[in-house]
C-alpha atoms as a PDB file:
ATOM      1  CA  MET A   1     177.186  78.901 121.793  1.00  0.00           C
ATOM      2  CA  LYS A   2     174.882  80.216 124.521  1.00  0.00           C
ATOM      3  CA  VAL A   3     174.128  83.759 124.356  1.00  0.00           C
ATOM      4  CA  ARG A   4     171.680  85.414 127.180  1.00  0.00           C
ATOM      5  CA  PHE A   5     170.106  89.079 126.419  1.00  0.00           C
ATOM      6  CA  TYR A   6     168.948  91.364 128.972  1.00  0.00           C
ATOM      7  CA  GLY A   7     167.123  94.910 128.220  1.00  0.00           C
ATOM      8  CA  LYS A   8     166.118  95.918 124.837  1.00  0.00           C
ATOM      9  CA  LEU A   9     167.995  92.864 123.389  1.00  0.00           C
ATOM     10  CA  ALA A  10     165.520  90.341 125.212  1.00  0.00           C
ATOM     11  CA  ASP A  11     163.005  92.078 123.192  1.00  0.00           C
ATOM     12  CA  VAL A  12     164.515  91.240 119.761  1.00  0.00           C
ATOM     13  CA  PHE A  13     166.245  88.073 120.933  1.00  0.00           C
ATOM     14  CA  GLY A  14     164.260  86.760 123.939  1.00  0.00           C
ATOM     15  CA  SER A  15     166.011  86.075 127.125  1.00  0.00           C
ATOM     16  CA  GLU A  16     168.349  83.034 125.850  1.00  0.00           C
ATOM     17  CA  ARG A  17     169.427  81.997 122.213  1.00  0.00           C
ATOM     18  CA  GLU A  18     172.097  79.292 120.643  1.00  0.00           C
ATOM     19  CA  ILE A  19     173.950  80.570 117.992  1.00  0.00           C
ATOM     20  CA  ALA A  20     176.431  78.494 115.649  1.00  0.00           C
ATOM     21  CA  ILE A  21     179.911  80.308 115.733  1.00  0.00           C
ATOM     22  CA  PRO A  22     183.271  78.856 115.873  1.00  0.00           C
ATOM     23  CA  ALA A  23     184.553  78.594 119.248  1.00  0.00           C
ATOM     24  CA  PRO A  24     186.779  80.322 120.305  1.00  0.00           C
ATOM     25  CA  SER A  25     185.684  83.402 119.015  1.00  0.00           C
ATOM     26  CA  THR A  26     185.799  87.140 120.451  1.00  0.00           C
ATOM     27  CA  VAL A  27     182.861  89.262 121.448  1.00  0.00           C
ATOM     28  CA  ALA A  28     183.381  91.146 118.501  1.00  0.00           C
ATOM     29  CA  GLU A  29     182.596  88.388 116.282  1.00  0.00           C
ATOM     30  CA  VAL A  30     179.731  87.216 118.266  1.00  0.00           C
ATOM     31  CA  ARG A  31     178.194  90.855 118.011  1.00  0.00           C
ATOM     32  CA  GLN A  32     179.160  90.652 114.162  1.00  0.00           C
ATOM     33  CA  ARG A  33     177.063  87.497 113.898  1.00  0.00           C
ATOM     34  CA  LEU A  34     174.049  88.319 115.934  1.00  0.00           C
ATOM     35  CA  THR A  35     174.040  91.476 113.870  1.00  0.00           C
ATOM     36  CA  MET A  36     174.054  89.553 110.591  1.00  0.00           C
ATOM     37  CA  ASP A  37     171.247  87.084 111.887  1.00  0.00           C
ATOM     38  CA  HIS A  38     168.952  90.475 113.184  1.00  0.00           C
ATOM     39  CA  PRO A  39     170.098  93.468 111.498  1.00  0.00           C
ATOM     40  CA  GLU A  40     167.321  95.231 113.051  1.00  0.00           C
ATOM     41  CA  ALA A  41     169.132  95.110 116.402  1.00  0.00           C
ATOM     42  CA  ALA A  42     172.635  96.273 114.617  1.00  0.00           C
ATOM     43  CA  GLY A  43     172.520  99.660 116.459  1.00  0.00           C
ATOM     44  CA  THR A  44     171.898  98.110 119.672  1.00  0.00           C
ATOM     45  CA  LEU A  45     174.178  95.718 119.567  1.00  0.00           C
ATOM     46  CA  GLN A  46     177.011  97.747 118.306  1.00  0.00           C
ATOM     47  CA  ASN A  47     176.430 100.084 120.894  1.00  0.00           C
ATOM     48  CA  LYS A  48     179.582 100.365 122.883  1.00  0.00           C
ATOM     49  CA  ARG A  49     177.386 100.799 126.122  1.00  0.00           C
ATOM     50  CA  VAL A  50     176.178  97.243 125.411  1.00  0.00           C
ATOM     51  CA  ARG A  51     177.955  95.119 128.200  1.00  0.00           C
ATOM     52  CA  ALA A  52     179.204  91.848 127.928  1.00  0.00           C
ATOM     53  CA  TYR A  53     179.604  89.556 130.470  1.00  0.00           C
ATOM     54  CA  ILE A  54     180.850  85.997 131.448  1.00  0.00           C
ATOM     55  CA  ALA A  55     180.194  84.692 134.823  1.00  0.00           C
ATOM     56  CA  ASP A  56     180.143  88.270 136.268  1.00  0.00           C
ATOM     57  CA  ALA A  57     183.278  89.623 134.639  1.00  0.00           C
ATOM     58  CA  ILE A  58     182.930  92.499 132.259  1.00  0.00           C
ATOM     59  CA  LEU A  59     184.365  91.573 128.710  1.00  0.00           C
ATOM     60  CA  HIS A  60     185.923  93.819 126.307  1.00  0.00           C
ATOM     61  CA  ASP A  61     185.087  93.166 122.327  1.00  0.00           C
ATOM     62  CA  SER A  62     188.892  91.981 121.880  1.00  0.00           C
ATOM     63  CA  ASP A  63     188.086  88.807 124.646  1.00  0.00           C
ATOM     64  CA  VAL A  64     187.967  85.241 123.601  1.00  0.00           C
ATOM     65  CA  VAL A  65     184.607  83.687 124.070  1.00  0.00           C
ATOM     66  CA  GLN A  66     185.275  79.737 124.912  1.00  0.00           C
ATOM     67  CA  GLU A  67     183.347  76.993 124.344  1.00  0.00           C
ATOM     68  CA  GLY A  68     180.893  75.740 126.742  1.00  0.00           C
ATOM     69  CA  GLU A  69     180.809  79.240 128.231  1.00  0.00           C
ATOM     70  CA  VAL A  70     177.778  81.518 128.295  1.00  0.00           C
ATOM     71  CA  LEU A  71     177.851  84.872 126.994  1.00  0.00           C
ATOM     72  CA  GLU A  72     175.478  87.682 128.661  1.00  0.00           C
ATOM     73  CA  LEU A  73     174.955  90.734 126.825  1.00  0.00           C
ATOM     74  CA  LEU A  74     173.384  93.722 128.724  1.00  0.00           C
ATOM     75  CA  ALA A  75     171.560  96.748 126.749  1.00  0.00           C
ATOM     76  CA  PRO A  76     171.666 100.143 128.751  1.00  0.00           C
ATOM     77  CA  VAL A  77     168.327 100.747 130.483  1.00  0.00           C
ATOM     78  CA  SER A  78     167.007 104.163 130.869  1.00  0.00           C
ATOM     79  CA  GLY A  79     164.267 105.476 133.209  1.00  0.00           C
ATOM     80  CA  GLY A  80     163.546 107.129 136.448  1.00  0.00           C
END
């Protein structure tokens, strides 16, 4: 599955990564897999303010991601 990262997550994972996870999987399962692979990013990945998207549609942790879809994870941004 292809995952794209934005904000603080891009600093850890790079802008895009292919991960091995069974499809279909929920957004929560993808987050959990990424957390297992990169425990240093657990705090950010599990933050409920990190939004998951597919094709500009906001997803919830219980939503299912199908094979061939690109999941995008956007961490909150702060600044002024």
